[in-house]
């Protein structure tokens, strides 16, 4: 069987426009509330509410998305078959274990104070390091969605992400090498990938997406294995009606090849198949 997890990183376009002054890059509450509601509406329409919104936190906007009006939206997501995760953008410090440990622990604490449980994580720019495995595990985060197999990204001389050699299907991560299977309690759910393309909506055409899904489906059948693949979009993609229609078209196309699931269903699937390493849901 082929399963998909639809994920949306809660980033806004001005955040990435570094030539702007910091005050000009700040998120605008009214705009972002509207965009997140569009996410919820689309997921409800196409996937019966199944998606993960990864809540942005960064030095620019540390707890902005956990303020009162956003907390109501996240609780609506959870009530409607969806999930919320932690998404840290840390100004390229992804290999700084001390900083990342402090940031993630503080993020988990803020989530809990807001009435939210944190079960999943994705690094900004898909940033990650082997130290992150123990950091996530120590914060009882058992699912990571940072892997795009083959991705290698640096900012000037600073490494952000190195996913070269990572498995293309779900795996429990090694403590010693996040690109290898191991016995940690953290599961990696990579972006669906085939022949150098991935289910990263912003970078892939509908033809790419169909080809990737077909390849994954064939791998599942030929190898008699279940595959769980993540699918990536961003909040800023919900600014235009045309882009929302494209996302809907992509999701509808993927449904021809596999089944969309949420975190609770993923957790039950892994436990049922004797692969769980966390408490029974």
Protein backbone atom coordinates (compact mmCIF):
# COMPACT_ATOMS: atom_id res chain seq x y z
CA UNK A 1 0.00 0.00 0.00
CA UNK A 2 1.03 3.59 -0.63
CA UNK A 3 0.19 6.25 1.96
CA UNK A 4 0.62 10.02 1.81
CA UNK A 5 0.85 12.65 4.55
CA UNK A 6 -0.01 16.18 3.34
CA UNK A 7 2.09 18.79 5.13
CA UNK A 8 2.09 22.58 4.98
CA UNK A 9 4.97 24.69 6.31
CA UNK A 10 3.50 27.81 7.88
CA UNK A 11 5.81 30.34 6.21
CA UNK A 12 4.85 33.64 4.57
CA UNK A 13 6.62 35.09 1.54
CA UNK A 14 8.08 38.23 3.18
CA UNK A 15 10.01 36.09 5.63
CA UNK A 16 12.33 35.03 2.81
CA UNK A 17 12.81 38.57 1.41
CA UNK A 18 16.02 39.36 3.29
CA UNK A 19 16.50 42.74 1.59
CA UNK A 20 13.51 44.05 3.53
CA UNK A 21 13.87 45.56 6.99
CA UNK A 22 12.91 43.20 9.83
CA UNK A 23 9.73 45.13 10.57
CA UNK A 24 8.72 44.75 6.92
CA UNK A 25 9.28 40.99 7.06
CA UNK A 26 7.02 40.45 10.08
CA UNK A 27 3.90 38.31 9.56
CA UNK A 28 0.57 40.11 9.31
CA UNK A 29 -2.04 38.54 11.55
CA UNK A 30 -5.12 39.17 9.41
CA UNK A 31 -3.46 37.91 6.24
CA UNK A 32 -2.05 34.77 7.87
CA UNK A 33 -5.29 33.90 9.65
CA UNK A 34 -7.05 34.01 6.30
CA UNK A 35 -4.41 31.89 4.55
CA UNK A 36 -4.47 29.22 7.27
CA UNK A 37 -8.25 29.10 7.06
CA UNK A 38 -7.88 28.44 3.33
CA UNK A 39 -5.58 25.52 4.16
CA UNK A 40 -8.17 24.10 6.53
CA UNK A 41 -10.97 24.52 4.00
CA UNK A 42 -9.01 22.79 1.23
CA UNK A 43 -7.94 19.89 3.45
CA UNK A 44 -11.54 19.49 4.59
CA UNK A 45 -12.79 19.48 1.00
CA UNK A 46 -10.22 17.08 -0.48
CA UNK A 47 -8.80 15.03 2.41
CA UNK A 48 -11.51 15.06 5.08
CA UNK A 49 -9.31 17.36 7.12
CA UNK A 50 -6.14 15.25 7.02
CA UNK A 51 -3.02 17.44 6.95
CA UNK A 52 -0.24 18.70 9.18
CA UNK A 53 0.33 22.42 9.57
CA UNK A 54 3.90 23.00 10.72
CA UNK A 55 3.76 26.08 12.94
CA UNK A 56 6.55 28.55 12.15
CA UNK A 57 8.86 29.76 14.90
CA UNK A 58 12.00 31.84 14.35
CA UNK A 59 13.99 34.69 15.91
CA UNK A 60 11.83 37.04 13.80
CA UNK A 61 8.50 35.61 14.96
CA UNK A 62 9.17 33.35 17.93
CA UNK A 63 5.68 32.83 19.37
CA UNK A 64 3.54 34.90 16.98
CA UNK A 65 1.65 31.85 15.70
CA UNK A 66 0.71 30.71 19.20
CA UNK A 67 -1.22 33.86 20.04
CA UNK A 68 -4.93 33.61 20.85
CA UNK A 69 -6.49 33.83 17.38
CA UNK A 70 -4.06 31.30 15.92
CA UNK A 71 -4.51 28.90 18.84
CA UNK A 72 -8.20 28.68 17.94
CA UNK A 73 -7.29 27.69 14.36
CA UNK A 74 -4.84 25.01 15.50
CA UNK A 75 -7.49 23.51 17.76
CA UNK A 76 -9.91 23.54 14.81
CA UNK A 77 -7.30 21.66 12.75
CA UNK A 78 -6.94 19.01 15.47
CA UNK A 79 -10.70 18.59 15.86
CA UNK A 80 -11.05 18.05 12.12
CA UNK A 81 -8.64 15.08 11.60
CA UNK A 82 -5.58 17.30 11.19
CA UNK A 83 -2.37 17.83 13.15
CA UNK A 84 0.01 20.62 14.14
CA UNK A 85 3.80 20.33 14.24
CA UNK A 86 6.84 22.44 15.12
CA UNK A 87 8.72 24.20 12.29
CA UNK A 88 11.94 25.94 13.38
CA UNK A 89 13.62 28.49 11.14
CA UNK A 90 16.86 29.28 12.95
CA UNK A 91 18.85 31.61 10.69
CA UNK A 92 21.08 28.81 9.33
CA UNK A 93 22.13 27.50 12.79
CA UNK A 94 20.79 24.01 12.15
CA UNK A 95 24.09 22.29 12.98
CA UNK A 96 24.38 24.07 16.35
CA UNK A 97 23.12 21.34 18.68
CA UNK A 98 23.05 23.56 21.76
CA UNK A 99 20.97 26.22 20.06
CA UNK A 100 18.59 23.74 18.45
CA UNK A 101 18.06 21.89 21.74
CA UNK A 102 17.18 25.13 23.51
CA UNK A 103 14.90 26.30 20.69
CA UNK A 104 13.00 23.03 20.33
CA UNK A 105 12.58 22.54 24.08
CA UNK A 106 11.27 26.10 24.38
CA UNK A 107 8.95 25.51 21.41
CA UNK A 108 7.52 22.35 22.94
CA UNK A 109 6.96 24.21 26.22
CA UNK A 110 5.13 27.03 24.41
CA UNK A 111 2.97 24.51 22.56
CA UNK A 112 1.98 22.83 25.83
CA UNK A 113 1.13 26.16 27.46
CA UNK A 114 -1.11 26.80 24.44
CA UNK A 115 -2.89 23.48 24.91
CA UNK A 116 -1.14 21.75 22.00
CA UNK A 117 0.83 18.51 21.96
CA UNK A 118 3.92 18.27 19.73
CA UNK A 119 4.40 14.97 17.95
CA UNK A 120 6.14 16.03 14.74
CA UNK A 121 8.86 18.37 13.52
CA UNK A 122 10.27 19.82 10.32
CA UNK A 123 13.37 21.98 10.10
CA UNK A 124 13.36 25.24 8.18
CA UNK A 125 14.87 24.71 4.73
CA UNK A 126 14.62 20.99 5.70
CA UNK A 127 17.63 21.60 7.94
CA UNK A 128 18.80 18.77 10.19
CA UNK A 129 21.79 17.13 11.86
CA UNK A 130 22.45 13.82 13.60
CA UNK A 131 22.27 15.57 16.99
CA UNK A 132 18.65 16.39 16.23
CA UNK A 133 17.63 12.75 16.65
CA UNK A 134 18.33 12.77 20.40
CA UNK A 135 16.96 16.31 20.73
CA UNK A 136 13.62 15.30 19.21
CA UNK A 137 13.49 12.06 21.16
CA UNK A 138 14.23 13.93 24.38
CA UNK A 139 11.22 16.14 23.70
CA UNK A 140 8.99 13.14 22.90
CA UNK A 141 8.72 14.11 19.25
CA UNK A 142 8.58 10.80 17.40
CA UNK A 143 8.07 11.94 13.79
CA UNK A 144 10.38 14.06 11.67
CA UNK A 145 9.46 15.34 8.21
CA UNK A 146 12.71 17.14 7.30
CA UNK A 147 14.07 14.66 4.77
CA UNK A 148 14.13 15.25 1.04
CA UNK A 149 16.36 12.33 -0.04
CA UNK A 150 19.47 13.58 -1.83
CA UNK A 151 19.12 17.19 -0.67
CA UNK A 152 22.38 19.01 0.09
CA UNK A 153 22.08 22.67 1.06
CA UNK A 154 24.59 25.20 2.35
CA UNK A 155 24.39 28.92 3.06
CA UNK A 156 27.79 30.27 2.11
CA UNK A 157 30.08 27.95 4.15
CA UNK A 158 27.41 26.88 6.63
CA UNK A 159 25.79 23.47 6.22
CA UNK A 160 22.00 23.50 6.50
CA UNK A 161 20.93 20.07 5.31
CA UNK A 162 22.64 16.95 4.04
CA UNK A 163 20.23 14.15 3.16
CA UNK A 164 22.49 12.44 0.65
CA UNK A 165 22.17 8.68 0.94
CA UNK A 166 19.01 8.81 3.06
CA UNK A 167 16.40 6.06 2.52
CA UNK A 168 13.56 7.07 0.22
CA UNK A 169 10.93 5.42 2.44
CA UNK A 170 9.98 5.77 6.12
CA UNK A 171 12.62 4.62 8.58
CA UNK A 172 13.61 4.80 12.24
CA UNK A 173 16.66 7.04 12.43
CA UNK A 174 20.10 6.09 13.67
CA UNK A 175 21.56 8.08 16.55
CA UNK A 176 24.90 8.18 14.73
CA UNK A 177 23.72 9.11 11.24
CA UNK A 178 20.33 10.64 10.48
CA UNK A 179 20.60 9.32 6.91
CA UNK A 180 20.66 5.71 8.08
CA UNK A 181 18.13 3.38 9.70
CA UNK A 182 18.70 2.69 13.37
CA UNK A 183 17.04 2.08 16.70
CA UNK A 184 16.06 5.56 17.85
CA UNK A 185 12.46 6.37 18.74
CA UNK A 186 12.25 8.95 15.92
CA UNK A 187 10.70 8.00 12.60
CA UNK A 188 11.67 9.88 9.46
CA UNK A 189 8.89 10.34 6.90
CA UNK A 190 10.71 11.55 3.77
CA UNK A 191 9.19 13.52 0.94
CA UNK A 192 7.98 11.16 -1.76
CA UNK A 193 10.87 10.98 -4.23
CA UNK A 194 11.69 9.37 -7.56
CA UNK A 195 14.47 10.00 -10.08
CA UNK A 196 15.58 13.27 -8.50
CA UNK A 197 12.08 14.73 -8.23
CA UNK A 198 9.97 15.00 -5.08
CA UNK A 199 6.43 15.69 -3.93
CA UNK A 200 7.41 19.28 -3.20
CA UNK A 201 4.52 21.08 -4.87
CA UNK A 202 6.33 24.36 -5.47
CA UNK A 203 9.14 22.63 -7.37
CA UNK A 204 7.21 19.96 -9.27
CA UNK A 205 4.73 19.96 -12.13
CA UNK A 206 1.56 17.87 -12.14
CA UNK A 207 3.34 15.54 -14.58
CA UNK A 208 6.24 15.14 -12.12
CA UNK A 209 3.83 14.46 -9.28
CA UNK A 210 1.92 11.79 -11.19
CA UNK A 211 5.18 10.12 -12.26
CA UNK A 212 6.53 10.07 -8.69
CA UNK A 213 3.27 8.65 -7.35
CA UNK A 214 3.18 5.96 -10.05
CA UNK A 215 6.80 4.99 -9.33
CA UNK A 216 6.13 4.76 -5.58
CA UNK A 217 2.99 2.70 -6.18
CA UNK A 218 4.90 0.29 -8.43
CA UNK A 219 7.70 -0.03 -5.85
CA UNK A 220 5.12 -0.85 -3.20
CA UNK A 221 3.54 -3.57 -5.33
CA UNK A 222 6.73 -5.08 -6.73
CA UNK A 223 8.54 -5.20 -3.38
CA UNK A 224 5.42 -6.08 -1.38
CA UNK A 225 6.01 -3.25 1.06
CA UNK A 226 4.00 -0.35 2.46
CA UNK A 227 5.38 3.10 1.69
CA UNK A 228 4.57 6.31 3.58
CA UNK A 229 5.55 9.49 1.72
CA UNK A 230 5.15 13.10 2.80
CA UNK A 231 3.87 15.83 0.51
CA UNK A 232 5.00 19.47 0.93
CA UNK A 233 3.29 22.81 0.40
CA UNK A 234 3.60 26.24 2.07
CA UNK A 235 1.13 28.72 3.54
CA UNK A 236 2.19 31.44 1.08
CA UNK A 237 1.01 29.23 -1.78
CA UNK A 238 -2.55 29.82 -0.59
CA UNK A 239 -2.44 33.51 -1.51
CA UNK A 240 -3.93 33.05 -4.98
CA UNK A 241 -6.99 31.18 -6.21
CA UNK A 242 -4.96 29.72 -9.08
CA UNK A 243 -2.32 28.22 -6.78
CA UNK A 244 -4.99 26.78 -4.48
CA UNK A 245 -6.59 25.12 -7.51
CA UNK A 246 -3.20 23.67 -8.47
CA UNK A 247 -2.71 22.26 -4.97
CA UNK A 248 -6.19 20.73 -5.12
CA UNK A 249 -5.38 19.23 -8.53
CA UNK A 250 -2.14 17.75 -7.18
CA UNK A 251 -3.83 16.23 -4.14
CA UNK A 252 -6.63 14.79 -6.26
CA UNK A 253 -4.08 13.24 -8.61
CA UNK A 254 -2.20 11.63 -5.70
CA UNK A 255 -5.42 10.08 -4.40
CA UNK A 256 -5.48 7.88 -7.52
CA UNK A 257 -2.32 6.15 -6.32
CA UNK A 258 -2.51 6.09 -2.54
CA UNK A 259 -4.37 6.97 0.64
CA UNK A 260 -3.89 10.11 2.70
CA UNK A 261 -3.51 9.54 6.44
CA UNK A 262 -3.02 11.71 9.51
CA UNK A 263 -0.55 11.28 12.37
CA UNK A 264 -2.88 9.17 14.50
CA UNK A 265 -3.40 6.77 11.59
CA UNK A 266 0.33 6.71 10.86
CA UNK A 267 1.09 5.94 14.50
CA UNK A 268 -1.45 3.11 14.56
CA UNK A 269 -0.10 1.71 11.29
CA UNK A 270 3.47 1.57 12.57
CA UNK A 271 2.38 0.06 15.88
CA UNK A 272 0.10 -2.50 14.23
CA UNK A 273 2.94 -3.69 12.03
CA UNK A 274 5.28 -4.24 14.96
CA UNK A 275 7.41 -1.26 14.10
CA UNK A 276 6.35 1.12 16.84
CA UNK A 277 8.78 2.51 19.38
CA UNK A 278 6.44 4.77 21.29
CA UNK A 279 3.47 4.25 23.63
CA UNK A 280 0.37 2.65 22.14
CA UNK A 281 -2.00 5.43 20.97
